[in-house]
Amino acid sequence: MTRHKRERIVPVDRNHWLELRRADVTSTEVGALFGISPYMTRFELWHQKRSSGVVDVEPSERMQWGTRLQDAIAAGIGADRGWKIRRVNRYIRIRELRMGASYDFEVVGDETANFEIKNVDGLVFRQEWEEHEDGAIEAPPHIEIQVQHQMAVSGRDKAYLGVLIGGNRVVVLERTSDAAVIAAIELAVAEFWASVESGVAPEIDYARDAAFIASLYGHAEPGKVIESPDGVGDWVAAYRAAGAEEKSAGLRKDEMKARILEKIGDAERVLGDGFTISAGVVGPAEIAYTRDGYRGFRIHVKKGK
C-alpha cells in the first residue's frame, strides 16, 4: 500500500460531513469515474464538484432502512464470528490525492480491517450479485471498487463486506487490497480533478444524463426566441418517432392488461409458471402536494411536415 499522509476527521454533524465529502472523490462516487455507478455518471459528478454547493441526496425508503439496520447486522455478524466490532465515526481523506472515504465499521484485532455493511433485497441479490458454483460471491462492480477505494484511503490491506440478503441470509466476503485496482483508482481520480480544474467537462451520456441535463437547463428566459441550431431538426424527428413508439407500446400494454383482467376476473392474486400477478384494489384517497417548478417541453410540427 502506497504511503500517503491521511487525515482522520470526526464530523461535528451531517452538514460538516457533506462539506468534507465535497472536496474529494469518495468511495461511493468513484464508480462514476469508471462508468459503473448506478447512482450518477461522470458528467453529473463533474458538475457536482464544480459547484460551490453541498449535495445532499434524499435517501430512498430502502436506503433509510438499510442505514437503520446496519448496527444490528454488524452486531449479529460479530456475535456469530466472535469479532469485536467498532463503529467508525470519522471521515478519512488523502488531501494530496483529493480522495476520501467514510465506512461503516471496523473489525478490531491483530489486523484491524474495514467492515462495510450491505442490506440487500433477495431479488436484487439474484439479479445484480454473482454467486458461483464454488461458493464464491462477487458484489456488483460499484461495490467492489467502493471497498478497494476505502482500503486505499484508510491504508489498510483487508476489508470485510457483511451482507444481509432478503432479511434471513448472511454472507461475509473478505477482500484484500489490489494494487492494480488502487493504482487505476488513483489515476482516474487525478485525471478527474485535472478536468475539473481545467473546466473541460466529460463527454455526456445523453441517455443516462437526461434527467441531470434537464435540471441543468431548468431555466428559460421569458420572451427569448432563437433560430433552430444545426442538427436540432434531426433530433426533433427522432423525438417524435420515439413518442409514436411510446404511444403504440402504451396502447399494446393497455390491451394486454385488459386481456389479463378479463381472464382472472376478481382474483386478487394469480400464481403462474415463473410469474405472479397482484391485482388488489387500491382504495380512494385525497392527495395534496406542492409541485416544484419545471421547464415545459413541447414540439409543434407544421402541417405537411
C-alpha atoms as a PDB file:
ATOM      1  CA  MET A   1       0.000   0.000   0.000  1.00  0.00           C
ATOM      2  CA  THR A   2       1.420   3.378  -1.059  1.00  0.00           C
ATOM      3  CA  ARG A   3       2.255   5.638   1.861  1.00  0.00           C
ATOM      4  CA  HIS A   4       0.280   8.866   1.916  1.00  0.00           C
ATOM      5  CA  LYS A   5      -0.473  11.338   4.654  1.00  0.00           C
ATOM      6  CA  ARG A   6      -4.002  10.638   5.869  1.00  0.00           C
ATOM      7  CA  GLU A   7      -6.305  12.973   7.748  1.00  0.00           C
ATOM      8  CA  ARG A   8      -8.867  11.427  10.099  1.00  0.00           C
ATOM      9  CA  ILE A   9     -11.640  13.880  10.879  1.00  0.00           C
ATOM     10  CA  VAL A  10     -14.653  13.420  13.163  1.00  0.00           C
ATOM     11  CA  PRO A  11     -17.512  15.421  11.606  1.00  0.00           C
ATOM     12  CA  VAL A  12     -19.471  17.564  14.047  1.00  0.00           C
ATOM     13  CA  ASP A  13     -22.739  16.947  12.166  1.00  0.00           C
ATOM     14  CA  ARG A  14     -24.131  15.792   8.826  1.00  0.00           C
ATOM     15  CA  ASN A  15     -23.569  19.144   7.129  1.00  0.00           C
ATOM     16  CA  HIS A  16     -19.904  19.073   8.160  1.00  0.00           C
ATOM     17  CA  TRP A  17     -19.609  15.529   6.771  1.00  0.00           C
ATOM     18  CA  LEU A  18     -21.172  16.604   3.459  1.00  0.00           C
ATOM     19  CA  GLU A  19     -18.814  19.588   3.270  1.00  0.00           C
ATOM     20  CA  LEU A  20     -15.810  17.302   3.788  1.00  0.00           C
ATOM     21  CA  ARG A  21     -17.013  14.969   1.023  1.00  0.00           C
ATOM     22  CA  ARG A  22     -17.436  17.827  -1.436  1.00  0.00           C
ATOM     23  CA  ALA A  23     -13.665  18.354  -1.604  1.00  0.00           C
ATOM     24  CA  ASP A  24     -12.862  14.744  -2.561  1.00  0.00           C
ATOM     25  CA  VAL A  25     -13.912  11.854  -4.737  1.00  0.00           C
ATOM     26  CA  THR A  26     -15.371   9.449  -2.183  1.00  0.00           C
ATOM     27  CA  SER A  27     -15.773   5.688  -2.180  1.00  0.00           C
ATOM     28  CA  THR A  28     -19.483   5.934  -3.075  1.00  0.00           C
ATOM     29  CA  GLU A  29     -18.680   8.249  -6.003  1.00  0.00           C
ATOM     30  CA  VAL A  30     -15.626   6.583  -7.527  1.00  0.00           C
ATOM     31  CA  GLY A  31     -17.701   4.126  -9.578  1.00  0.00           C
ATOM     32  CA  ALA A  32     -18.876   7.069 -11.698  1.00  0.00           C
ATOM     33  CA  LEU A  33     -15.322   7.544 -12.961  1.00  0.00           C
ATOM     34  CA  PHE A  34     -15.436   4.038 -14.447  1.00  0.00           C
ATOM     35  CA  GLY A  35     -18.999   4.194 -15.763  1.00  0.00           C
ATOM     36  CA  ILE A  36     -20.261   1.577 -13.297  1.00  0.00           C
ATOM     37  CA  SER A  37     -22.163   3.682 -10.752  1.00  0.00           C
ATOM     38  CA  PRO A  38     -25.942   3.102 -10.698  1.00  0.00           C
ATOM     39  CA  TYR A  39     -26.382   6.460  -8.972  1.00  0.00           C
ATOM     40  CA  MET A  40     -24.577   9.010 -11.143  1.00  0.00           C
ATOM     41  CA  THR A  41     -22.461   9.491 -14.240  1.00  0.00           C
ATOM     42  CA  ARG A  42     -19.021  11.042 -14.545  1.00  0.00           C
ATOM     43  CA  PHE A  43     -20.647  14.091 -16.163  1.00  0.00           C
ATOM     44  CA  GLU A  44     -23.007  14.580 -13.213  1.00  0.00           C
ATOM     45  CA  LEU A  45     -20.213  14.109 -10.664  1.00  0.00           C
ATOM     46  CA  TRP A  46     -18.075  16.636 -12.559  1.00  0.00           C
ATOM     47  CA  HIS A  47     -20.791  19.276 -12.267  1.00  0.00           C
ATOM     48  CA  GLN A  48     -21.333  18.470  -8.589  1.00  0.00           C
ATOM     49  CA  LYS A  49     -17.652  19.013  -7.811  1.00  0.00           C
ATOM     50  CA  ARG A  50     -17.506  22.190  -9.920  1.00  0.00           C
ATOM     51  CA  SER A  51     -20.430  23.608  -7.972  1.00  0.00           C
ATOM     52  CA  SER A  52     -19.846  25.551  -4.783  1.00  0.00           C
ATOM     53  CA  GLY A  53     -22.904  23.979  -3.169  1.00  0.00           C
ATOM     54  CA  VAL A  54     -23.121  20.911  -0.963  1.00  0.00           C
ATOM     55  CA  VAL A  55     -25.019  17.981  -2.475  1.00  0.00           C
ATOM     56  CA  ASP A  56     -27.306  16.127  -0.078  1.00  0.00           C
ATOM     57  CA  VAL A  57     -29.209  13.342  -1.808  1.00  0.00           C
ATOM     58  CA  GLU A  58     -32.578  12.500  -0.253  1.00  0.00           C
ATOM     59  CA  PRO A  59     -32.315   8.821   0.767  1.00  0.00           C
ATOM     60  CA  SER A  60     -34.933   6.401  -0.501  1.00  0.00           C
ATOM     61  CA  GLU A  61     -37.017   4.360   1.935  1.00  0.00           C
ATOM     62  CA  ARG A  62     -34.849   1.315   1.201  1.00  0.00           C
ATOM     63  CA  MET A  63     -31.682   3.309   1.900  1.00  0.00           C
ATOM     64  CA  GLN A  64     -33.128   4.628   5.163  1.00  0.00           C
ATOM     65  CA  TRP A  65     -33.971   1.142   6.397  1.00  0.00           C
ATOM     66  CA  GLY A  66     -30.568  -0.114   5.307  1.00  0.00           C
ATOM     67  CA  THR A  67     -28.945   2.547   7.476  1.00  0.00           C
ATOM     68  CA  ARG A  68     -31.205   1.762  10.424  1.00  0.00           C
ATOM     69  CA  LEU A  69     -30.372  -1.936  10.250  1.00  0.00           C
ATOM     70  CA  GLN A  70     -26.606  -1.548   9.907  1.00  0.00           C
ATOM     71  CA  ASP A  71     -25.859  -1.759  13.629  1.00  0.00           C
ATOM     72  CA  ALA A  72     -27.991  -4.879  14.095  1.00  0.00           C
ATOM     73  CA  ILE A  73     -26.403  -6.614  11.091  1.00  0.00           C
ATOM     74  CA  ALA A  74     -22.878  -5.747  12.219  1.00  0.00           C
ATOM     75  CA  ALA A  75     -23.580  -6.861  15.803  1.00  0.00           C
ATOM     76  CA  GLY A  76     -25.084 -10.135  14.585  1.00  0.00           C
ATOM     77  CA  ILE A  77     -22.118 -10.952  12.364  1.00  0.00           C
ATOM     78  CA  GLY A  78     -19.733 -10.008  15.159  1.00  0.00           C
ATOM     79  CA  ALA A  79     -21.548 -12.319  17.591  1.00  0.00           C
ATOM     80  CA  ASP A  80     -21.564 -15.207  15.101  1.00  0.00           C
ATOM     81  CA  ARG A  81     -17.851 -14.854  14.337  1.00  0.00           C
ATOM     82  CA  GLY A  82     -16.580 -13.800  17.715  1.00  0.00           C
ATOM     83  CA  TRP A  83     -15.371 -10.481  16.327  1.00  0.00           C
ATOM     84  CA  LYS A  84     -15.007  -7.214  18.190  1.00  0.00           C
ATOM     85  CA  ILE A  85     -16.880  -4.672  16.075  1.00  0.00           C
ATOM     86  CA  ARG A  86     -16.401  -0.932  16.394  1.00  0.00           C
ATOM     87  CA  ARG A  87     -18.475   1.718  14.612  1.00  0.00           C
ATOM     88  CA  VAL A  88     -16.406   4.240  12.680  1.00  0.00           C
ATOM     89  CA  ASN A  89     -17.470   7.851  13.140  1.00  0.00           C
ATOM     90  CA  ARG A  90     -14.785   9.590  11.146  1.00  0.00           C
ATOM     91  CA  TYR A  91     -14.044  10.756   7.647  1.00  0.00           C
ATOM     92  CA  ILE A  92     -10.646   9.849   6.193  1.00  0.00           C
ATOM     93  CA  ARG A  93      -9.035  11.742   3.349  1.00  0.00           C
ATOM     94  CA  ILE A  94      -5.773  11.908   1.435  1.00  0.00           C
ATOM     95  CA  ARG A  95      -5.506  15.606   0.716  1.00  0.00           C
ATOM     96  CA  GLU A  96      -2.809  15.317  -1.968  1.00  0.00           C
ATOM     97  CA  LEU A  97      -4.979  12.914  -3.995  1.00  0.00           C
ATOM     98  CA  ARG A  98      -8.322  14.500  -3.090  1.00  0.00           C
ATOM     99  CA  MET A  99      -9.686  11.063  -2.238  1.00  0.00           C
ATOM    100  CA  GLY A 100     -11.891  10.442   0.780  1.00  0.00           C
ATOM    101  CA  ALA A 101     -13.979   7.750   2.435  1.00  0.00           C
ATOM    102  CA  SER A 102     -16.156   7.014   5.401  1.00  0.00           C
ATOM    103  CA  TYR A 103     -17.054   3.394   6.061  1.00  0.00           C
ATOM    104  CA  ASP A 104     -19.428   1.759   8.485  1.00  0.00           C
ATOM    105  CA  PHE A 105     -17.453  -0.305  10.993  1.00  0.00           C
ATOM    106  CA  GLU A 106     -14.130  -1.977  11.614  1.00  0.00           C
ATOM    107  CA  VAL A 107     -13.158  -5.397  12.905  1.00  0.00           C
ATOM    108  CA  VAL A 108     -10.708  -4.846  15.732  1.00  0.00           C
ATOM    109  CA  GLY A 109      -7.938  -7.374  16.288  1.00  0.00           C
ATOM    110  CA  ASP A 110      -4.354  -8.180  15.405  1.00  0.00           C
ATOM    111  CA  GLU A 111      -5.048  -6.784  11.938  1.00  0.00           C
ATOM    112  CA  THR A 112      -7.829  -4.205  12.103  1.00  0.00           C
ATOM    113  CA  ALA A 113      -9.937  -4.395   8.935  1.00  0.00           C
ATOM    114  CA  ASN A 114     -12.590  -2.204   7.353  1.00  0.00           C
ATOM    115  CA  PHE A 115     -16.107  -3.620   7.683  1.00  0.00           C
ATOM    116  CA  GLU A 116     -18.779  -2.475   5.217  1.00  0.00           C
ATOM    117  CA  ILE A 117     -22.423  -3.495   5.696  1.00  0.00           C
ATOM    118  CA  LYS A 118     -24.974  -4.042   2.920  1.00  0.00           C
ATOM    119  CA  ASN A 119     -28.657  -4.893   3.366  1.00  0.00           C
ATOM    120  CA  VAL A 120     -29.719  -6.438   0.047  1.00  0.00           C
ATOM    121  CA  ASP A 121     -33.156  -7.441  -1.214  1.00  0.00           C
ATOM    122  CA  GLY A 122     -33.278 -11.104  -2.270  1.00  0.00           C
ATOM    123  CA  LEU A 123     -34.352 -10.304  -5.832  1.00  0.00           C
ATOM    124  CA  VAL A 124     -31.679  -7.623  -6.184  1.00  0.00           C
ATOM    125  CA  PHE A 125     -29.070 -10.111  -4.960  1.00  0.00           C
ATOM    126  CA  ARG A 126     -30.072 -12.655  -7.610  1.00  0.00           C
ATOM    127  CA  GLN A 127     -30.089 -10.044 -10.356  1.00  0.00           C
ATOM    128  CA  GLU A 128     -27.003  -7.977  -9.523  1.00  0.00           C
ATOM    129  CA  TRP A 129     -24.649 -10.171  -7.480  1.00  0.00           C
ATOM    130  CA  GLU A 130     -22.753 -13.160  -8.895  1.00  0.00           C
ATOM    131  CA  GLU A 131     -22.751 -16.405  -6.936  1.00  0.00           C
ATOM    132  CA  HIS A 132     -20.501 -19.089  -8.428  1.00  0.00           C
ATOM    133  CA  GLU A 133     -20.790 -22.848  -8.089  1.00  0.00           C
ATOM    134  CA  ASP A 134     -17.710 -22.959  -5.849  1.00  0.00           C
ATOM    135  CA  GLY A 135     -19.469 -20.627  -3.383  1.00  0.00           C
ATOM    136  CA  ALA A 136     -17.519 -17.507  -4.325  1.00  0.00           C
ATOM    137  CA  ILE A 137     -19.619 -14.339  -4.462  1.00  0.00           C
ATOM    138  CA  GLU A 138     -18.892 -11.159  -6.367  1.00  0.00           C
ATOM    139  CA  ALA A 139     -20.601  -7.925  -5.418  1.00  0.00           C
ATOM    140  CA  PRO A 140     -21.730  -5.523  -8.147  1.00  0.00           C
ATOM    141  CA  PRO A 141     -18.700  -3.695  -9.609  1.00  0.00           C
ATOM    142  CA  HIS A 142     -19.537  -0.369  -7.956  1.00  0.00           C
ATOM    143  CA  ILE A 143     -19.468  -2.051  -4.529  1.00  0.00           C
ATOM    144  CA  GLU A 144     -16.241  -3.955  -5.209  1.00  0.00           C
ATOM    145  CA  ILE A 145     -14.494  -0.742  -6.261  1.00  0.00           C
ATOM    146  CA  GLN A 146     -16.018   1.095  -3.287  1.00  0.00           C
ATOM    147  CA  VAL A 147     -14.328  -1.372  -0.924  1.00  0.00           C
ATOM    148  CA  GLN A 148     -10.984  -1.051  -2.760  1.00  0.00           C
ATOM    149  CA  HIS A 149     -11.259   2.745  -2.581  1.00  0.00           C
ATOM    150  CA  GLN A 150     -11.920   2.532   1.166  1.00  0.00           C
ATOM    151  CA  MET A 151      -8.822   0.408   1.677  1.00  0.00           C
ATOM    152  CA  ALA A 152      -6.747   2.821  -0.409  1.00  0.00           C
ATOM    153  CA  VAL A 153      -7.880   5.803   1.662  1.00  0.00           C
ATOM    154  CA  SER A 154      -7.670   4.081   5.058  1.00  0.00           C
ATOM    155  CA  GLY A 155      -4.281   2.499   4.292  1.00  0.00           C
ATOM    156  CA  ARG A 156      -5.494  -0.975   5.240  1.00  0.00           C
ATOM    157  CA  ASP A 157      -4.929  -4.159   3.296  1.00  0.00           C
ATOM    158  CA  LYS A 158      -8.036  -6.056   4.384  1.00  0.00           C
ATOM    159  CA  ALA A 159     -11.767  -5.436   4.391  1.00  0.00           C
ATOM    160  CA  TYR A 160     -14.917  -7.426   5.060  1.00  0.00           C
ATOM    161  CA  LEU A 161     -18.228  -6.978   3.324  1.00  0.00           C
ATOM    162  CA  GLY A 162     -21.108  -8.154   5.525  1.00  0.00           C
ATOM    163  CA  VAL A 163     -24.274  -8.755   3.504  1.00  0.00           C
ATOM    164  CA  LEU A 164     -27.767  -9.485   4.821  1.00  0.00           C
ATOM    165  CA  ILE A 165     -29.776 -10.976   1.943  1.00  0.00           C
ATOM    166  CA  GLY A 166     -33.557 -10.888   1.992  1.00  0.00           C
ATOM    167  CA  GLY A 167     -33.592 -10.425   5.748  1.00  0.00           C
ATOM    168  CA  ASN A 168     -32.660 -14.045   6.526  1.00  0.00           C
ATOM    169  CA  ARG A 169     -29.314 -14.960   4.976  1.00  0.00           C
ATOM    170  CA  VAL A 170     -25.903 -13.545   5.831  1.00  0.00           C
ATOM    171  CA  VAL A 171     -22.704 -13.801   3.817  1.00  0.00           C
ATOM    172  CA  VAL A 172     -19.360 -12.270   4.732  1.00  0.00           C
ATOM    173  CA  LEU A 173     -16.920 -11.554   1.910  1.00  0.00           C
ATOM    174  CA  GLU A 174     -13.244 -10.994   2.636  1.00  0.00           C
ATOM    175  CA  ARG A 175     -11.337  -8.642   0.355  1.00  0.00           C
ATOM    176  CA  THR A 176      -7.661  -7.698   0.229  1.00  0.00           C
ATOM    177  CA  SER A 177      -6.263  -4.572  -1.369  1.00  0.00           C
ATOM    178  CA  ASP A 178      -5.491  -4.926  -5.066  1.00  0.00           C
ATOM    179  CA  ALA A 179      -2.517  -2.759  -6.048  1.00  0.00           C
ATOM    180  CA  ALA A 180      -3.518  -2.643  -9.731  1.00  0.00           C
ATOM    181  CA  VAL A 181      -7.095  -1.604  -8.949  1.00  0.00           C
ATOM    182  CA  ILE A 182      -5.953   1.035  -6.466  1.00  0.00           C
ATOM    183  CA  ALA A 183      -3.446   2.427  -8.987  1.00  0.00           C
ATOM    184  CA  ALA A 184      -6.273   2.661 -11.539  1.00  0.00           C
ATOM    185  CA  ILE A 185      -8.471   4.459  -8.996  1.00  0.00           C
ATOM    186  CA  GLU A 186      -5.747   6.976  -8.142  1.00  0.00           C
ATOM    187  CA  LEU A 187      -5.089   7.656 -11.837  1.00  0.00           C
ATOM    188  CA  ALA A 188      -8.797   8.080 -12.610  1.00  0.00           C
ATOM    189  CA  VAL A 189      -9.233  10.448  -9.648  1.00  0.00           C
ATOM    190  CA  ALA A 190      -6.189  12.515 -10.708  1.00  0.00           C
ATOM    191  CA  GLU A 191      -7.481  12.792 -14.276  1.00  0.00           C
ATOM    192  CA  PHE A 192     -10.933  13.715 -12.992  1.00  0.00           C
ATOM    193  CA  TRP A 193      -9.677  16.569 -10.804  1.00  0.00           C
ATOM    194  CA  ALA A 194      -7.487  17.799 -13.672  1.00  0.00           C
ATOM    195  CA  SER A 195     -10.597  18.017 -15.852  1.00  0.00           C
ATOM    196  CA  VAL A 196     -12.491  19.858 -13.097  1.00  0.00           C
ATOM    197  CA  GLU A 197      -9.679  22.403 -12.718  1.00  0.00           C
ATOM    198  CA  SER A 198      -9.349  22.878 -16.484  1.00  0.00           C
ATOM    199  CA  GLY A 199     -13.095  23.312 -16.909  1.00  0.00           C
ATOM    200  CA  VAL A 200     -13.276  20.639 -19.603  1.00  0.00           C
ATOM    201  CA  ALA A 201     -16.412  18.582 -18.889  1.00  0.00           C
ATOM    202  CA  PRO A 202     -16.523  14.833 -19.586  1.00  0.00           C
ATOM    203  CA  GLU A 203     -18.413  13.512 -22.583  1.00  0.00           C
ATOM    204  CA  ILE A 204     -22.158  13.425 -21.993  1.00  0.00           C
ATOM    205  CA  ASP A 205     -24.037  10.131 -21.938  1.00  0.00           C
ATOM    206  CA  TYR A 206     -27.304  11.607 -23.173  1.00  0.00           C
ATOM    207  CA  ALA A 207     -29.375   8.556 -22.199  1.00  0.00           C
ATOM    208  CA  ARG A 208     -28.105   8.298 -18.626  1.00  0.00           C
ATOM    209  CA  ASP A 209     -27.589  12.052 -18.172  1.00  0.00           C
ATOM    210  CA  ALA A 210     -31.018  13.061 -19.490  1.00  0.00           C
ATOM    211  CA  ALA A 211     -32.570  13.902 -16.106  1.00  0.00           C
ATOM    212  CA  PHE A 212     -29.468  15.763 -14.929  1.00  0.00           C
ATOM    213  CA  ILE A 213     -29.267  17.800 -18.146  1.00  0.00           C
ATOM    214  CA  ALA A 214     -32.926  18.720 -17.686  1.00  0.00           C
ATOM    215  CA  SER A 215     -32.059  20.020 -14.209  1.00  0.00           C
ATOM    216  CA  LEU A 216     -29.048  21.958 -15.561  1.00  0.00           C
ATOM    217  CA  TYR A 217     -31.200  23.675 -18.161  1.00  0.00           C
ATOM    218  CA  GLY A 218     -34.270  24.167 -15.998  1.00  0.00           C
ATOM    219  CA  HIS A 219     -34.494  27.920 -16.706  1.00  0.00           C
ATOM    220  CA  ALA A 220     -35.884  29.577 -19.820  1.00  0.00           C
ATOM    221  CA  GLU A 221     -35.504  33.308 -20.457  1.00  0.00           C
ATOM    222  CA  PRO A 222     -39.003  34.823 -20.878  1.00  0.00           C
ATOM    223  CA  GLY A 223     -39.538  36.110 -24.417  1.00  0.00           C
ATOM    224  CA  LYS A 224     -36.240  34.779 -25.797  1.00  0.00           C
ATOM    225  CA  VAL A 225     -36.598  33.320 -29.322  1.00  0.00           C
ATOM    226  CA  ILE A 226     -33.775  31.798 -31.394  1.00  0.00           C
ATOM    227  CA  GLU A 227     -33.392  30.137 -34.785  1.00  0.00           C
ATOM    228  CA  SER A 228     -33.015  26.367 -34.568  1.00  0.00           C
ATOM    229  CA  PRO A 229     -29.336  25.336 -34.190  1.00  0.00           C
ATOM    230  CA  ASP A 230     -27.861  22.862 -36.662  1.00  0.00           C
ATOM    231  CA  GLY A 231     -28.849  19.260 -36.010  1.00  0.00           C
ATOM    232  CA  VAL A 232     -31.886  20.008 -33.869  1.00  0.00           C
ATOM    233  CA  GLY A 233     -34.276  19.150 -36.713  1.00  0.00           C
ATOM    234  CA  ASP A 234     -32.958  15.585 -36.839  1.00  0.00           C
ATOM    235  CA  TRP A 235     -33.376  15.254 -33.082  1.00  0.00           C
ATOM    236  CA  VAL A 236     -36.933  16.610 -33.313  1.00  0.00           C
ATOM    237  CA  ALA A 237     -37.753  13.887 -35.856  1.00  0.00           C
ATOM    238  CA  ALA A 238     -36.202  11.236 -33.603  1.00  0.00           C
ATOM    239  CA  TYR A 239     -38.072  12.613 -30.579  1.00  0.00           C
ATOM    240  CA  ARG A 240     -41.397  12.429 -32.422  1.00  0.00           C
ATOM    241  CA  ALA A 241     -40.653   8.902 -33.639  1.00  0.00           C
ATOM    242  CA  ALA A 242     -39.848   7.806 -30.089  1.00  0.00           C
ATOM    243  CA  GLY A 243     -43.092   9.393 -28.904  1.00  0.00           C
ATOM    244  CA  ALA A 244     -45.057   7.459 -31.512  1.00  0.00           C
ATOM    245  CA  GLU A 245     -43.355   4.230 -30.441  1.00  0.00           C
ATOM    246  CA  GLU A 246     -44.099   5.054 -26.804  1.00  0.00           C
ATOM    247  CA  LYS A 247     -47.775   5.661 -27.594  1.00  0.00           C
ATOM    248  CA  SER A 248     -48.016   2.421 -29.578  1.00  0.00           C
ATOM    249  CA  ALA A 249     -46.321   0.495 -26.770  1.00  0.00           C
ATOM    250  CA  GLY A 250     -48.694   2.075 -24.239  1.00  0.00           C
ATOM    251  CA  LEU A 251     -51.732   1.010 -26.234  1.00  0.00           C
ATOM    252  CA  ARG A 252     -50.330  -2.502 -26.570  1.00  0.00           C
ATOM    253  CA  LYS A 253     -49.656  -2.601 -22.824  1.00  0.00           C
ATOM    254  CA  ASP A 254     -53.231  -1.484 -22.066  1.00  0.00           C
ATOM    255  CA  GLU A 255     -54.549  -4.180 -24.411  1.00  0.00           C
ATOM    256  CA  MET A 256     -52.594  -6.926 -22.642  1.00  0.00           C
ATOM    257  CA  LYS A 257     -53.752  -5.661 -19.250  1.00  0.00           C
ATOM    258  CA  ALA A 258     -57.371  -5.804 -20.412  1.00  0.00           C
ATOM    259  CA  ARG A 259     -56.951  -9.364 -21.705  1.00  0.00           C
ATOM    260  CA  ILE A 260     -55.392 -10.448 -18.391  1.00  0.00           C
ATOM    261  CA  LEU A 261     -58.133  -8.820 -16.286  1.00  0.00           C
ATOM    262  CA  GLU A 262     -60.824 -10.490 -18.365  1.00  0.00           C
ATOM    263  CA  LYS A 263     -59.228 -13.881 -17.704  1.00  0.00           C
ATOM    264  CA  ILE A 264     -58.517 -13.507 -13.970  1.00  0.00           C
ATOM    265  CA  GLY A 265     -61.805 -11.821 -13.081  1.00  0.00           C
ATOM    266  CA  ASP A 266     -61.970 -10.665  -9.452  1.00  0.00           C
ATOM    267  CA  ALA A 267     -58.907 -12.628  -8.264  1.00  0.00           C
ATOM    268  CA  GLU A 268     -56.587 -10.523  -6.116  1.00  0.00           C
ATOM    269  CA  ARG A 269     -53.507 -12.659  -6.769  1.00  0.00           C
ATOM    270  CA  VAL A 270     -52.550 -15.011  -9.591  1.00  0.00           C
ATOM    271  CA  LEU A 271     -49.804 -17.639  -9.449  1.00  0.00           C
ATOM    272  CA  GLY A 272     -48.273 -18.604 -12.776  1.00  0.00           C
ATOM    273  CA  ASP A 273     -45.333 -20.552 -14.166  1.00  0.00           C
ATOM    274  CA  GLY A 274     -42.464 -18.180 -13.394  1.00  0.00           C
ATOM    275  CA  PHE A 275     -44.623 -15.172 -12.581  1.00  0.00           C
ATOM    276  CA  THR A 276     -47.237 -13.818 -10.176  1.00  0.00           C
ATOM    277  CA  ILE A 277     -49.861 -11.126 -10.635  1.00  0.00           C
ATOM    278  CA  SER A 278     -51.040  -8.805  -7.861  1.00  0.00           C
ATOM    279  CA  ALA A 279     -54.340  -7.163  -8.722  1.00  0.00           C
ATOM    280  CA  GLY A 280     -55.779  -5.901  -5.445  1.00  0.00           C
ATOM    281  CA  VAL A 281     -57.904  -2.789  -5.125  1.00  0.00           C
ATOM    282  CA  VAL A 282     -56.204   0.468  -4.146  1.00  0.00           C
ATOM    283  CA  GLY A 283     -58.762   2.482  -2.231  1.00  0.00           C
ATOM    284  CA  PRO A 284     -59.621   6.108  -2.902  1.00  0.00           C
ATOM    285  CA  ALA A 285     -57.507   8.778  -1.218  1.00  0.00           C
ATOM    286  CA  GLU A 286     -57.251  12.539  -1.251  1.00  0.00           C
ATOM    287  CA  ILE A 287     -53.719  13.518  -2.242  1.00  0.00           C
ATOM    288  CA  ALA A 288     -52.394  17.075  -1.949  1.00  0.00           C
ATOM    289  CA  TYR A 289     -48.824  18.145  -2.643  1.00  0.00           C
ATOM    290  CA  THR A 290     -46.765  21.121  -3.748  1.00  0.00           C
ATOM    291  CA  ARG A 291     -45.235  20.655  -7.194  1.00  0.00           C
ATOM    292  CA  ASP A 292     -41.745  22.009  -7.870  1.00  0.00           C
ATOM    293  CA  GLY A 293     -41.368  24.256 -10.879  1.00  0.00           C
ATOM    294  CA  TYR A 294     -40.100  22.652 -14.053  1.00  0.00           C
ATOM    295  CA  ARG A 295     -39.348  23.565 -17.636  1.00  0.00           C
ATOM    296  CA  GLY A 296     -42.155  22.704 -20.054  1.00  0.00           C
ATOM    297  CA  PHE A 297     -41.174  20.989 -23.292  1.00  0.00           C
ATOM    298  CA  ARG A 298     -43.457  20.502 -26.315  1.00  0.00           C
ATOM    299  CA  ILE A 299     -42.769  20.198 -30.011  1.00  0.00           C
ATOM    300  CA  HIS A 300     -45.288  21.560 -32.506  1.00  0.00           C
ATOM    301  CA  VAL A 301     -44.924  20.446 -36.116  1.00  0.00           C
ATOM    302  CA  LYS A 302     -46.282  22.454 -39.019  1.00  0.00           C
ATOM    303  CA  LYS A 303     -48.912  20.730 -41.120  1.00  0.00           C
ATOM    304  CA  GLY A 304     -47.452  18.954 -44.085  1.00  0.00           C
ATOM    305  CA  LYS A 305     -44.101  18.420 -42.388  1.00  0.00           C
END
